[in-house]
Amino acid sequence: MRRSVGLGLLLTLACPLVVAGQGVPAADSLAKAASAASAANTVAINFVWTLVAGFLVMFMQAGFAMVETGFTRAKNAAHTITMNFMVYGIAMLAYWAIGFALQAGGVGALGTLGGYDKLAHEFSLTIAGKEWGLFGGTGFFLTGVAYTAPVFAYFLFQMVFMDTAATIPTGALAERWKFSAFAVFSVFVGAFIYPIYANWTWGGGWLAMLGKNLGLGHGHVDFAGSSVVHMTGGVMAFVAAALLGPRRGKYNADGSVNAIPGHNIPMALIGTFILAFGWFGFNAGSTLAGSDLRIGVIATNTMLAGAAGSITAMLYMWFKYGKPDPSMMANGALAGLVAITAPCAFVTAPSAVLIGGIAGVLVCVAVFFIDGKLRIDDPVGAISVHGVNGLWGILALGLLADGTYGDGWYGDASQFVAQAIGGVANIVGVGAMAFVAYKVTAFVVGGHRVAPEVEELGLDLPEMGALAYPDSPEVASAVILSETASRGVGHLEPEPEAV
């Protein structure tokens, strides 16, 4: 009995020593397991965040459709909204087949999504011993990456950004653009125009390397797309609208401008709210990381800038023209959102309000200048909202970034120069590509512009085979016009389309 008790006491004393002797490796093993689990959870959170943000950006297409359709006339409503509907599918498949590889084929490791690093083929030129990337070369048709979840998630997020840029020209060219021309031109946007500039900035291309190669800040920086998405869309819209010519009746012989009001302001304003909602995914989602707490700052800056833009646009119109103008309030909000898209992660809340407020005034000034001085007819103000304020957004980053986020991205003279170079590259590069795409499209489909009698009647029935509003008075008057035209169509001379 005494022997048993003694043995028990001995074992009791010995056990802590044994456990203590094995404690370090056990603790290391548990720590490694916990670290691996934490890393896996972080990647999973980032995946979900990126996908949900992409879904929000996809829903912005509904906002664009409502804004553009509301700002155009009832007799063209089915045509306008159908362009917004089909640009999603047409440009997406072009981007899937060709565009994604050109944009992201050399992007490198997808760090926040698990570190996949096989998108690593960038076509570049070597000048003075330095590499200048032009476009990627991996991932055509998403082949070679089958079931690679990080690439598929990144594709989805980048695709809806491309679609945002692709839908901007549909508003500027509305009410006189042949649907067949729209379809072919959209292929060029998804396959070449958007992806190439996006590669230059986001895919490891030459604009991103301005800092490394020339010491210009951190290269051209655009957090969520003021230049890559919005300015690209605005420049395409500017080039195509200038070539297509104005709507019939927009300008008088003496050069004066006739306003052509949209048919549904409530629709346009609801569409603006949808866009503002989707913009939270647009900007905050560009972290590609739900684990990055900066998303709270980004989302709030986005909201503040949009609100400031709507207010300054309202006040500008109210003081200058006597009425606040709902359409300009909507475009002011959108202008503020466009402008904050590049610097949203890098600026304080007062700076966000300043950026948005300036954008609200800029869009009003730009609309009247482009419409009245340049005589470029843009039914929805897309060039002013996206092109002008996309440029303002990237320049604002170079002026106001405070270095508290990322790799010390400060707004200083060097960074400002890199931002300005990115803007010039967009105007020249995207403008040239849009011009070529416009001319090739015209050759393929036999011109961009509908016949004058079709424009008088409205594009819904002749182009789409369906009326948006079969019982509306405007459509009834269009039918009378068509009957008159049938007895003397030769009297309807088309507005000139640039050759």
Protein backbone atom coordinates (compact mmCIF):
# COMPACT_ATOMS: atom_id res chain seq x y z
CA MET A 1 0.00 0.00 0.00
CA ARG A 2 2.78 2.39 0.97
CA ARG A 3 4.63 1.42 -2.22
CA SER A 4 1.53 2.30 -4.32
CA VAL A 5 1.13 5.67 -2.64
CA GLY A 6 4.79 6.47 -3.14
CA LEU A 7 4.63 5.51 -6.79
CA GLY A 8 1.59 7.73 -7.27
CA LEU A 9 3.33 10.68 -5.67
CA LEU A 10 6.37 10.11 -7.87
CA LEU A 11 4.25 10.07 -11.03
CA THR A 12 2.43 13.21 -9.92
CA LEU A 13 5.69 15.04 -9.49
CA ALA A 14 7.15 13.71 -12.73
CA CYS A 15 4.24 14.57 -15.06
CA PRO A 16 4.73 18.38 -15.04
CA LEU A 17 8.39 17.85 -15.83
CA VAL A 18 7.48 15.64 -18.81
CA VAL A 19 4.86 18.12 -20.04
CA ALA A 20 7.23 21.01 -19.56
CA GLY A 21 9.85 19.18 -21.56
CA GLN A 22 7.40 18.73 -24.46
CA GLY A 23 5.72 22.17 -24.16
CA VAL A 24 7.84 24.17 -26.62
CA PRO A 25 7.26 21.97 -29.67
CA ALA A 26 3.60 21.58 -28.78
CA ALA A 27 3.23 25.36 -28.51
CA ASP A 28 5.08 25.88 -31.80
CA SER A 29 2.82 23.41 -33.52
CA LEU A 30 -0.32 25.04 -32.16
CA ALA A 31 0.96 28.51 -33.07
CA LYS A 32 1.70 27.41 -36.63
CA ALA A 33 -1.72 25.81 -36.94
CA ALA A 34 -3.40 28.94 -35.58
CA SER A 35 -1.38 31.13 -37.94
CA ALA A 36 -2.28 28.98 -40.93
CA ALA A 37 -5.94 29.01 -39.96
CA SER A 38 -5.84 32.79 -39.53
CA ALA A 39 -4.20 33.24 -42.92
CA ALA A 40 -6.77 30.96 -44.55
CA ASN A 41 -9.60 32.90 -42.90
CA THR A 42 -8.11 36.19 -44.08
CA VAL A 43 -7.94 34.96 -47.67
CA ALA A 44 -11.52 33.68 -47.42
CA ILE A 45 -12.70 37.05 -46.10
CA ASN A 46 -10.88 38.79 -48.94
CA PHE A 47 -12.49 36.47 -51.48
CA VAL A 48 -16.00 37.13 -50.20
CA TRP A 49 -15.39 40.87 -50.00
CA THR A 50 -14.02 41.04 -53.55
CA LEU A 51 -16.90 39.04 -54.98
CA VAL A 52 -19.62 40.97 -53.11
CA ALA A 53 -18.00 44.25 -54.19
CA GLY A 54 -18.00 42.96 -57.77
CA PHE A 55 -21.70 42.15 -57.48
CA LEU A 56 -22.34 45.74 -56.32
CA VAL A 57 -20.45 47.14 -59.30
CA MET A 58 -22.39 44.86 -61.65
CA PHE A 59 -25.62 46.34 -60.24
CA MET A 60 -24.36 49.77 -61.28
CA GLN A 61 -25.29 48.75 -64.82
CA ALA A 62 -28.93 49.15 -63.80
CA GLY A 63 -28.12 52.64 -62.57
CA PHE A 64 -26.44 53.60 -65.82
CA ALA A 65 -29.39 52.22 -67.78
CA MET A 66 -31.87 54.31 -65.81
CA VAL A 67 -29.79 57.50 -65.90
CA GLU A 68 -29.16 57.37 -69.64
CA THR A 69 -32.70 56.32 -70.53
CA GLY A 70 -34.24 58.99 -68.30
CA PHE A 71 -32.07 61.72 -69.83
CA THR A 72 -33.10 60.80 -73.41
CA ARG A 73 -36.44 61.06 -75.18
CA ALA A 74 -39.27 58.56 -74.86
CA LYS A 75 -39.14 57.60 -78.54
CA ASN A 76 -35.59 56.27 -78.01
CA ALA A 77 -36.04 54.69 -74.58
CA ALA A 78 -36.07 51.05 -75.69
CA HIS A 79 -32.97 51.59 -77.83
CA THR A 80 -31.04 53.40 -75.08
CA ILE A 81 -31.83 50.91 -72.33
CA THR A 82 -31.09 47.96 -74.63
CA MET A 83 -27.61 49.30 -75.35
CA ASN A 84 -27.03 49.46 -71.60
CA PHE A 85 -28.35 45.93 -71.24
CA MET A 86 -26.34 44.34 -74.05
CA VAL A 87 -23.03 46.11 -73.46
CA TYR A 88 -22.73 43.86 -70.40
CA GLY A 89 -22.80 40.65 -72.43
CA ILE A 90 -21.00 41.85 -75.57
CA ALA A 91 -18.08 43.62 -73.91
CA MET A 92 -17.81 40.92 -71.24
CA LEU A 93 -17.25 38.09 -73.71
CA ALA A 94 -14.72 40.20 -75.61
CA TYR A 95 -12.95 40.86 -72.31
CA TRP A 96 -13.05 37.15 -71.39
CA ALA A 97 -11.62 36.10 -74.75
CA ILE A 98 -8.92 38.74 -75.18
CA GLY A 99 -9.13 41.74 -72.87
CA PHE A 100 -8.39 40.13 -69.50
CA ALA A 101 -5.15 38.61 -70.75
CA LEU A 102 -4.04 41.93 -72.25
CA GLN A 103 -4.83 43.72 -68.99
CA ALA A 104 -3.82 41.25 -66.29
CA GLY A 105 -1.63 38.67 -68.01
CA GLY A 106 1.43 40.20 -66.38
CA VAL A 107 -0.09 41.52 -63.16
CA GLY A 108 1.98 39.26 -60.93
CA ALA A 109 1.02 37.73 -57.60
CA LEU A 110 -2.57 38.21 -56.39
CA GLY A 111 -1.43 38.74 -52.82
CA THR A 112 -4.73 39.32 -51.01
CA LEU A 113 -6.39 36.39 -52.83
CA GLY A 114 -3.90 33.71 -51.88
CA GLY A 115 -0.77 34.76 -53.72
CA TYR A 116 -1.33 33.08 -57.10
CA ASP A 117 1.62 34.25 -59.23
CA LYS A 118 1.25 32.65 -62.68
CA LEU A 119 -0.19 35.77 -64.38
CA ALA A 120 3.36 36.80 -65.05
CA HIS A 121 3.81 37.31 -68.79
CA GLU A 122 4.03 41.01 -69.64
CA PHE A 123 5.06 42.09 -73.13
CA SER A 124 7.44 45.01 -72.67
CA LEU A 125 10.06 47.10 -74.39
CA THR A 126 13.53 47.65 -72.98
CA ILE A 127 14.62 51.26 -73.33
CA ALA A 128 17.80 52.55 -71.69
CA GLY A 129 18.04 49.31 -69.74
CA LYS A 130 14.58 49.69 -68.22
CA GLU A 131 11.44 47.64 -68.83
CA TRP A 132 8.32 49.42 -70.07
CA GLY A 133 5.28 47.14 -70.04
CA LEU A 134 2.70 47.43 -72.83
CA PHE A 135 0.24 44.55 -72.39
CA GLY A 136 -0.11 41.12 -70.81
CA GLY A 137 -0.06 37.75 -72.49
CA THR A 138 -1.53 35.13 -70.14
CA GLY A 139 -5.13 34.07 -69.55
CA PHE A 140 -6.86 34.30 -72.94
CA PHE A 141 -10.32 32.70 -72.65
CA LEU A 142 -9.35 32.02 -69.00
CA THR A 143 -7.42 29.01 -70.27
CA GLY A 144 -4.41 27.67 -68.41
CA VAL A 145 -6.01 28.79 -65.15
CA ALA A 146 -8.94 26.34 -65.00
CA TYR A 147 -10.56 26.35 -61.55
CA THR A 148 -7.92 28.72 -60.21
CA ALA A 149 -10.18 30.58 -57.81
CA PRO A 150 -8.01 33.71 -57.29
CA VAL A 151 -7.87 34.37 -61.04
CA PHE A 152 -11.59 33.83 -61.49
CA ALA A 153 -12.44 36.18 -58.61
CA TYR A 154 -10.05 38.81 -59.95
CA PHE A 155 -11.52 38.39 -63.45
CA LEU A 156 -15.06 38.97 -62.19
CA PHE A 157 -14.09 42.11 -60.30
CA GLN A 158 -12.07 43.56 -63.17
CA MET A 159 -14.70 42.63 -65.74
CA VAL A 160 -17.42 44.74 -64.11
CA PHE A 161 -15.01 47.68 -64.03
CA MET A 162 -14.47 47.28 -67.76
CA ASP A 163 -18.23 47.17 -68.25
CA THR A 164 -18.58 50.51 -66.48
CA ALA A 165 -16.19 52.11 -68.95
CA ALA A 166 -17.90 50.42 -71.90
CA THR A 167 -21.33 51.78 -71.04
CA ILE A 168 -20.25 55.44 -70.86
CA PRO A 169 -20.21 56.03 -74.66
CA THR A 170 -23.77 54.68 -74.98
CA GLY A 171 -25.06 57.80 -73.24
CA ALA A 172 -23.02 60.28 -75.26
CA LEU A 173 -24.04 58.65 -78.57
CA ALA A 174 -27.68 58.00 -77.68
CA GLU A 175 -30.61 58.84 -79.97
CA ARG A 176 -28.71 58.56 -83.27
CA TRP A 177 -26.33 55.54 -83.02
CA LYS A 178 -27.05 52.40 -85.00
CA PHE A 179 -27.40 49.37 -82.76
CA SER A 180 -25.15 47.31 -85.02
CA ALA A 181 -22.42 49.95 -84.70
CA PHE A 182 -22.82 49.95 -80.93
CA ALA A 183 -22.41 46.17 -80.84
CA VAL A 184 -19.19 46.10 -82.89
CA PHE A 185 -17.66 49.10 -81.15
CA SER A 186 -18.32 47.47 -77.75
CA VAL A 187 -16.25 44.47 -78.82
CA PHE A 188 -13.28 46.78 -79.36
CA VAL A 189 -13.81 48.35 -75.95
CA GLY A 190 -13.83 45.03 -74.09
CA ALA A 191 -11.09 43.37 -76.11
CA PHE A 192 -8.56 46.17 -76.63
CA ILE A 193 -9.24 49.79 -75.63
CA TYR A 194 -10.01 49.41 -71.94
CA PRO A 195 -7.63 46.50 -71.23
CA ILE A 196 -4.55 48.13 -72.74
CA TYR A 197 -4.80 51.33 -70.71
CA ALA A 198 -5.77 49.31 -67.62
CA ASN A 199 -2.59 47.28 -68.09
CA TRP A 200 -0.49 50.43 -68.24
CA THR A 201 -1.82 51.49 -64.82
CA TRP A 202 -2.98 48.35 -62.99
CA GLY A 203 -1.27 45.49 -64.81
CA GLY A 204 2.37 46.40 -64.25
CA GLY A 205 2.58 48.49 -67.43
CA TRP A 206 4.68 51.55 -68.17
CA LEU A 207 2.57 54.13 -66.34
CA ALA A 208 2.81 52.14 -63.14
CA MET A 209 6.60 52.00 -63.60
CA LEU A 210 7.12 55.77 -63.85
CA GLY A 211 8.24 55.81 -60.24
CA LYS A 212 10.71 52.94 -60.51
CA ASN A 213 12.05 53.92 -63.93
CA LEU A 214 12.01 57.72 -63.75
CA GLY A 215 11.62 58.49 -60.05
CA LEU A 216 8.20 60.09 -60.54
CA GLY A 217 6.42 59.43 -57.25
CA HIS A 218 5.04 55.91 -57.15
CA GLY A 219 4.20 55.90 -60.83
CA HIS A 220 0.73 56.77 -62.06
CA VAL A 221 -1.57 55.86 -59.16
CA ASP A 222 -5.32 55.34 -59.56
CA PHE A 223 -6.81 53.51 -56.61
CA ALA A 224 -10.19 52.59 -58.09
CA GLY A 225 -10.42 53.97 -61.61
CA SER A 226 -10.83 57.72 -62.11
CA SER A 227 -8.55 57.40 -65.14
CA VAL A 228 -8.62 53.67 -65.89
CA VAL A 229 -12.42 53.43 -65.92
CA HIS A 230 -14.06 56.83 -66.06
CA MET A 231 -11.61 58.90 -68.05
CA THR A 232 -11.28 56.01 -70.51
CA GLY A 233 -15.04 55.98 -70.98
CA GLY A 234 -15.16 59.78 -71.25
CA VAL A 235 -12.42 59.97 -73.87
CA MET A 236 -14.08 57.23 -75.95
CA ALA A 237 -17.36 59.14 -75.67
CA PHE A 238 -15.72 62.42 -76.70
CA VAL A 239 -14.06 60.96 -79.80
CA ALA A 240 -17.10 59.00 -80.94
CA ALA A 241 -19.60 61.81 -80.29
CA ALA A 242 -17.44 64.29 -82.20
CA LEU A 243 -17.27 61.91 -85.17
CA LEU A 244 -20.94 60.96 -85.06
CA GLY A 245 -22.23 64.52 -85.03
CA PRO A 246 -25.11 66.10 -83.08
CA ARG A 247 -28.73 65.02 -82.98
CA ARG A 248 -31.05 66.61 -85.53
CA GLY A 249 -32.31 69.95 -84.25
CA LYS A 250 -29.67 70.34 -81.56
CA TYR A 251 -28.00 73.38 -83.16
CA ASN A 252 -29.51 76.23 -85.15
CA ALA A 253 -27.98 77.80 -88.23
CA ASP A 254 -26.78 80.76 -86.17
CA GLY A 255 -24.90 78.42 -83.82
CA SER A 256 -27.36 78.70 -80.93
CA VAL A 257 -28.10 75.57 -78.92
CA ASN A 258 -31.52 73.97 -78.44
CA ALA A 259 -32.11 72.05 -75.23
CA ILE A 260 -33.50 68.55 -75.80
CA PRO A 261 -34.91 67.50 -72.42
CA GLY A 262 -34.98 63.92 -71.24
CA HIS A 263 -38.32 62.23 -70.78
CA ASN A 264 -38.08 60.87 -67.22
CA ILE A 265 -36.18 62.80 -64.56
CA PRO A 266 -37.36 60.54 -61.69
CA MET A 267 -35.91 57.54 -63.51
CA ALA A 268 -32.59 59.33 -63.93
CA LEU A 269 -32.40 60.33 -60.27
CA ILE A 270 -33.25 56.82 -59.07
CA GLY A 271 -30.52 55.54 -61.37
CA THR A 272 -28.12 58.00 -59.74
CA PHE A 273 -28.94 56.55 -56.31
CA ILE A 274 -28.26 53.05 -57.63
CA LEU A 275 -24.91 54.19 -58.98
CA ALA A 276 -24.01 55.83 -55.66
CA PHE A 277 -24.88 52.58 -53.87
CA GLY A 278 -22.79 50.48 -56.24
CA TRP A 279 -19.89 52.90 -55.86
CA PHE A 280 -19.23 51.53 -52.37
CA GLY A 281 -18.22 48.29 -54.08
CA PHE A 282 -16.37 50.18 -56.77
CA ASN A 283 -14.09 52.10 -54.41
CA ALA A 284 -13.90 50.14 -51.18
CA GLY A 285 -13.83 46.86 -53.10
CA SER A 286 -10.65 47.95 -54.86
CA THR A 287 -8.68 46.97 -51.76
CA LEU A 288 -9.42 43.36 -52.82
CA ALA A 289 -9.29 42.78 -49.07
CA GLY A 290 -12.15 42.75 -46.59
CA SER A 291 -9.45 42.40 -43.95
CA ASP A 292 -8.14 45.88 -44.79
CA LEU A 293 -9.82 48.22 -42.32
CA ARG A 294 -9.19 51.19 -44.63
CA ILE A 295 -12.42 50.20 -46.39
CA GLY A 296 -14.31 52.24 -43.76
CA VAL A 297 -12.37 55.38 -44.69
CA ILE A 298 -12.76 54.71 -48.42
CA ALA A 299 -16.51 54.17 -48.24
CA THR A 300 -17.08 57.30 -46.17
CA ASN A 301 -14.89 59.47 -48.41
CA THR A 302 -16.86 58.15 -51.39
CA MET A 303 -20.17 59.09 -49.82
CA LEU A 304 -18.98 62.55 -48.78
CA ALA A 305 -17.61 63.44 -52.21
CA GLY A 306 -20.83 62.43 -53.96
CA ALA A 307 -22.91 64.51 -51.57
CA ALA A 308 -20.63 67.52 -51.99
CA GLY A 309 -20.82 67.27 -55.78
CA SER A 310 -24.61 67.27 -55.78
CA ILE A 311 -24.73 70.34 -53.52
CA THR A 312 -22.22 72.47 -55.42
CA ALA A 313 -23.85 71.61 -58.75
CA MET A 314 -27.23 72.58 -57.34
CA LEU A 315 -25.91 75.88 -55.99
CA TYR A 316 -24.03 76.70 -59.20
CA MET A 317 -27.13 76.21 -61.37
CA TRP A 318 -29.37 77.97 -58.88
CA PHE A 319 -27.23 81.10 -58.65
CA LYS A 320 -26.26 81.25 -62.34
CA TYR A 321 -29.52 80.24 -64.02
CA GLY A 322 -32.18 80.79 -61.35
CA LYS A 323 -33.24 77.13 -60.96
CA PRO A 324 -31.45 74.26 -59.21
CA ASP A 325 -31.91 71.78 -62.13
CA PRO A 326 -32.42 68.15 -61.05
CA SER A 327 -30.40 66.75 -63.95
CA MET A 328 -27.35 68.76 -62.92
CA MET A 329 -27.77 67.68 -59.30
CA ALA A 330 -27.57 64.09 -60.48
CA ASN A 331 -24.56 64.74 -62.67
CA GLY A 332 -22.94 66.71 -59.85
CA ALA A 333 -23.25 63.72 -57.52
CA LEU A 334 -21.82 61.42 -60.17
CA ALA A 335 -19.00 63.85 -60.88
CA GLY A 336 -18.06 63.88 -57.20
CA LEU A 337 -18.06 60.08 -57.14
CA VAL A 338 -15.91 59.91 -60.27
CA ALA A 339 -13.39 62.40 -58.89
CA ILE A 340 -12.97 60.68 -55.50
CA THR A 341 -12.46 57.27 -57.13
CA ALA A 342 -8.69 57.69 -57.61
CA PRO A 343 -7.77 59.35 -54.29
CA CYS A 344 -10.44 57.82 -52.00
CA ALA A 345 -7.95 55.76 -49.95
CA PHE A 346 -5.33 58.46 -49.61
CA VAL A 347 -7.15 61.61 -48.45
CA THR A 348 -8.89 62.95 -45.36
CA ALA A 349 -12.63 63.59 -45.10
CA PRO A 350 -12.29 67.38 -45.63
CA SER A 351 -10.21 66.69 -48.73
CA ALA A 352 -12.90 64.30 -50.01
CA VAL A 353 -15.54 67.03 -49.60
CA LEU A 354 -13.28 69.52 -51.39
CA ILE A 355 -12.65 67.11 -54.27
CA GLY A 356 -16.34 66.34 -54.67
CA GLY A 357 -17.35 69.99 -54.36
CA ILE A 358 -14.97 71.09 -57.09
CA ALA A 359 -16.22 68.25 -59.29
CA GLY A 360 -19.82 69.45 -58.92
CA VAL A 361 -18.90 72.85 -60.36
CA LEU A 362 -16.57 71.40 -62.99
CA VAL A 363 -19.29 69.21 -64.45
CA CYS A 364 -21.65 72.18 -64.90
CA VAL A 365 -18.98 74.32 -66.57
CA ALA A 366 -17.85 71.42 -68.76
CA VAL A 367 -21.37 70.55 -69.95
CA PHE A 368 -22.00 74.09 -71.23
CA PHE A 369 -18.52 74.38 -72.73
CA ILE A 370 -18.67 71.05 -74.59
CA ASP A 371 -22.28 71.57 -75.66
CA GLY A 372 -22.07 75.24 -76.60
CA LYS A 373 -18.46 76.00 -77.51
CA LEU A 374 -17.18 72.69 -78.88
CA ARG A 375 -20.63 71.87 -80.32
CA ILE A 376 -20.36 68.22 -79.33
CA ASP A 377 -23.79 66.85 -78.50
CA ASP A 378 -23.74 64.66 -75.39
CA PRO A 379 -27.33 63.91 -74.34
CA VAL A 380 -26.47 62.75 -70.81
CA GLY A 381 -23.31 64.74 -70.00
CA ALA A 382 -21.14 61.62 -69.96
CA ILE A 383 -18.03 63.37 -71.28
CA SER A 384 -18.21 65.99 -68.54
CA VAL A 385 -19.05 63.60 -65.71
CA HIS A 386 -16.56 60.86 -66.52
CA GLY A 387 -13.92 62.40 -68.76
CA VAL A 388 -13.40 65.82 -67.17
CA ASN A 389 -13.83 64.64 -63.60
CA GLY A 390 -11.84 61.48 -64.15
CA LEU A 391 -8.94 63.77 -65.00
CA TRP A 392 -9.64 65.95 -61.96
CA GLY A 393 -9.66 62.84 -59.75
CA ILE A 394 -6.18 61.65 -60.69
CA LEU A 395 -4.77 65.18 -60.40
CA ALA A 396 -6.42 65.56 -56.98
CA LEU A 397 -4.52 62.48 -55.80
CA GLY A 398 -1.28 64.14 -56.82
CA LEU A 399 -2.26 67.24 -54.87
CA LEU A 400 -3.92 65.93 -51.71
CA ALA A 401 -2.71 62.41 -50.85
CA ASP A 402 -1.22 62.55 -47.34
CA GLY A 403 0.98 59.44 -47.24
CA THR A 404 -0.89 57.59 -44.49
CA TYR A 405 -1.87 54.59 -46.60
CA GLY A 406 -0.11 52.21 -48.92
CA ASP A 407 3.56 52.68 -49.65
CA GLY A 408 3.66 56.27 -48.44
CA TRP A 409 1.66 57.67 -51.35
CA TYR A 410 2.07 61.41 -50.86
CA GLY A 411 0.70 64.13 -53.06
CA ASP A 412 3.75 66.11 -54.11
CA ALA A 413 5.24 67.63 -57.26
CA SER A 414 6.77 64.33 -58.39
CA GLN A 415 3.55 62.40 -57.90
CA PHE A 416 1.54 65.14 -59.57
CA VAL A 417 3.72 64.87 -62.68
CA ALA A 418 3.12 61.10 -62.79
CA GLN A 419 -0.63 61.72 -62.48
CA ALA A 420 -0.56 64.28 -65.29
CA ILE A 421 1.38 61.89 -67.55
CA GLY A 422 -1.28 59.26 -66.89
CA GLY A 423 -3.97 61.72 -67.94
CA VAL A 424 -2.17 62.71 -71.15
CA ALA A 425 -1.55 59.04 -71.96
CA ASN A 426 -5.26 58.36 -71.59
CA ILE A 427 -6.27 61.23 -73.88
CA VAL A 428 -3.75 60.26 -76.54
CA GLY A 429 -3.75 56.47 -76.22
CA VAL A 430 -7.42 55.83 -75.60
CA GLY A 431 -8.38 58.59 -78.04
CA ALA A 432 -6.30 57.02 -80.82
CA MET A 433 -7.65 53.53 -80.13
CA ALA A 434 -11.22 54.84 -80.07
CA PHE A 435 -10.71 56.63 -83.39
CA VAL A 436 -9.42 53.46 -85.05
CA ALA A 437 -12.22 51.37 -83.53
CA TYR A 438 -14.80 53.89 -84.76
CA LYS A 439 -13.46 53.79 -88.32
CA VAL A 440 -13.20 49.99 -88.44
CA THR A 441 -16.73 49.69 -87.05
CA ALA A 442 -18.04 52.09 -89.68
CA PHE A 443 -16.45 49.92 -92.38
CA VAL A 444 -17.91 46.72 -90.94
CA VAL A 445 -21.51 47.90 -90.48
CA GLY A 446 -21.72 50.64 -93.11
CA GLY A 447 -21.62 53.72 -90.92
CA HIS A 448 -22.62 54.61 -87.39
CA ARG A 449 -25.58 56.90 -87.86
CA VAL A 450 -29.21 55.95 -88.37
CA ALA A 451 -31.13 57.38 -91.33
CA PRO A 452 -32.70 60.83 -90.78
CA GLU A 453 -36.26 59.49 -90.96
CA VAL A 454 -35.39 56.89 -88.31
CA GLU A 455 -34.05 59.60 -86.04
CA GLU A 456 -37.24 61.61 -86.54
CA LEU A 457 -39.47 58.64 -85.84
CA GLY A 458 -37.41 57.43 -82.93
CA LEU A 459 -35.00 54.50 -82.85
CA ASP A 460 -37.18 52.12 -80.85
CA LEU A 461 -39.27 50.57 -83.61
CA PRO A 462 -36.88 50.84 -86.60
CA GLU A 463 -33.79 49.69 -84.70
CA MET A 464 -35.19 47.45 -81.95
CA GLY A 465 -38.58 46.34 -83.26
CA ALA A 466 -40.28 47.31 -80.00
CA LEU A 467 -41.56 50.54 -78.47
CA ALA A 468 -40.71 51.37 -74.86
CA TYR A 469 -44.01 53.25 -74.43
CA PRO A 470 -46.56 52.17 -77.10
CA ASP A 471 -49.30 54.51 -75.84
CA SER A 472 -47.27 57.65 -75.18
CA PRO A 473 -48.22 60.92 -76.95
CA GLU A 474 -44.63 61.40 -78.11
CA VAL A 475 -44.69 58.09 -79.96
CA ALA A 476 -48.00 59.02 -81.56
CA SER A 477 -46.48 62.24 -82.87
CA ALA A 478 -43.49 60.29 -84.15
CA VAL A 479 -45.83 58.08 -86.18
CA ILE A 480 -47.31 61.20 -87.80
CA LEU A 481 -43.82 62.37 -88.65
CA SER A 482 -43.07 59.02 -90.23
CA GLU A 483 -46.20 59.24 -92.39
CA THR A 484 -45.14 62.68 -93.57
CA ALA A 485 -41.64 61.43 -94.20
CA SER A 486 -42.95 58.53 -96.29
CA ARG A 487 -44.28 61.05 -98.83
CA GLY A 488 -41.07 63.05 -98.95
CA VAL A 489 -38.18 61.43 -97.19
CA GLY A 490 -35.76 63.21 -99.46
CA HIS A 491 -36.47 66.46 -97.64
CA LEU A 492 -34.93 65.09 -94.44
CA GLU A 493 -31.22 65.72 -94.66
CA PRO A 494 -29.08 63.86 -92.10
CA GLU A 495 -26.76 65.65 -89.76
CA PRO A 496 -23.21 65.25 -91.06
CA GLU A 497 -21.23 62.26 -89.86
CA ALA A 498 -17.51 62.94 -89.92
CA VAL A 499 -15.55 60.85 -92.38
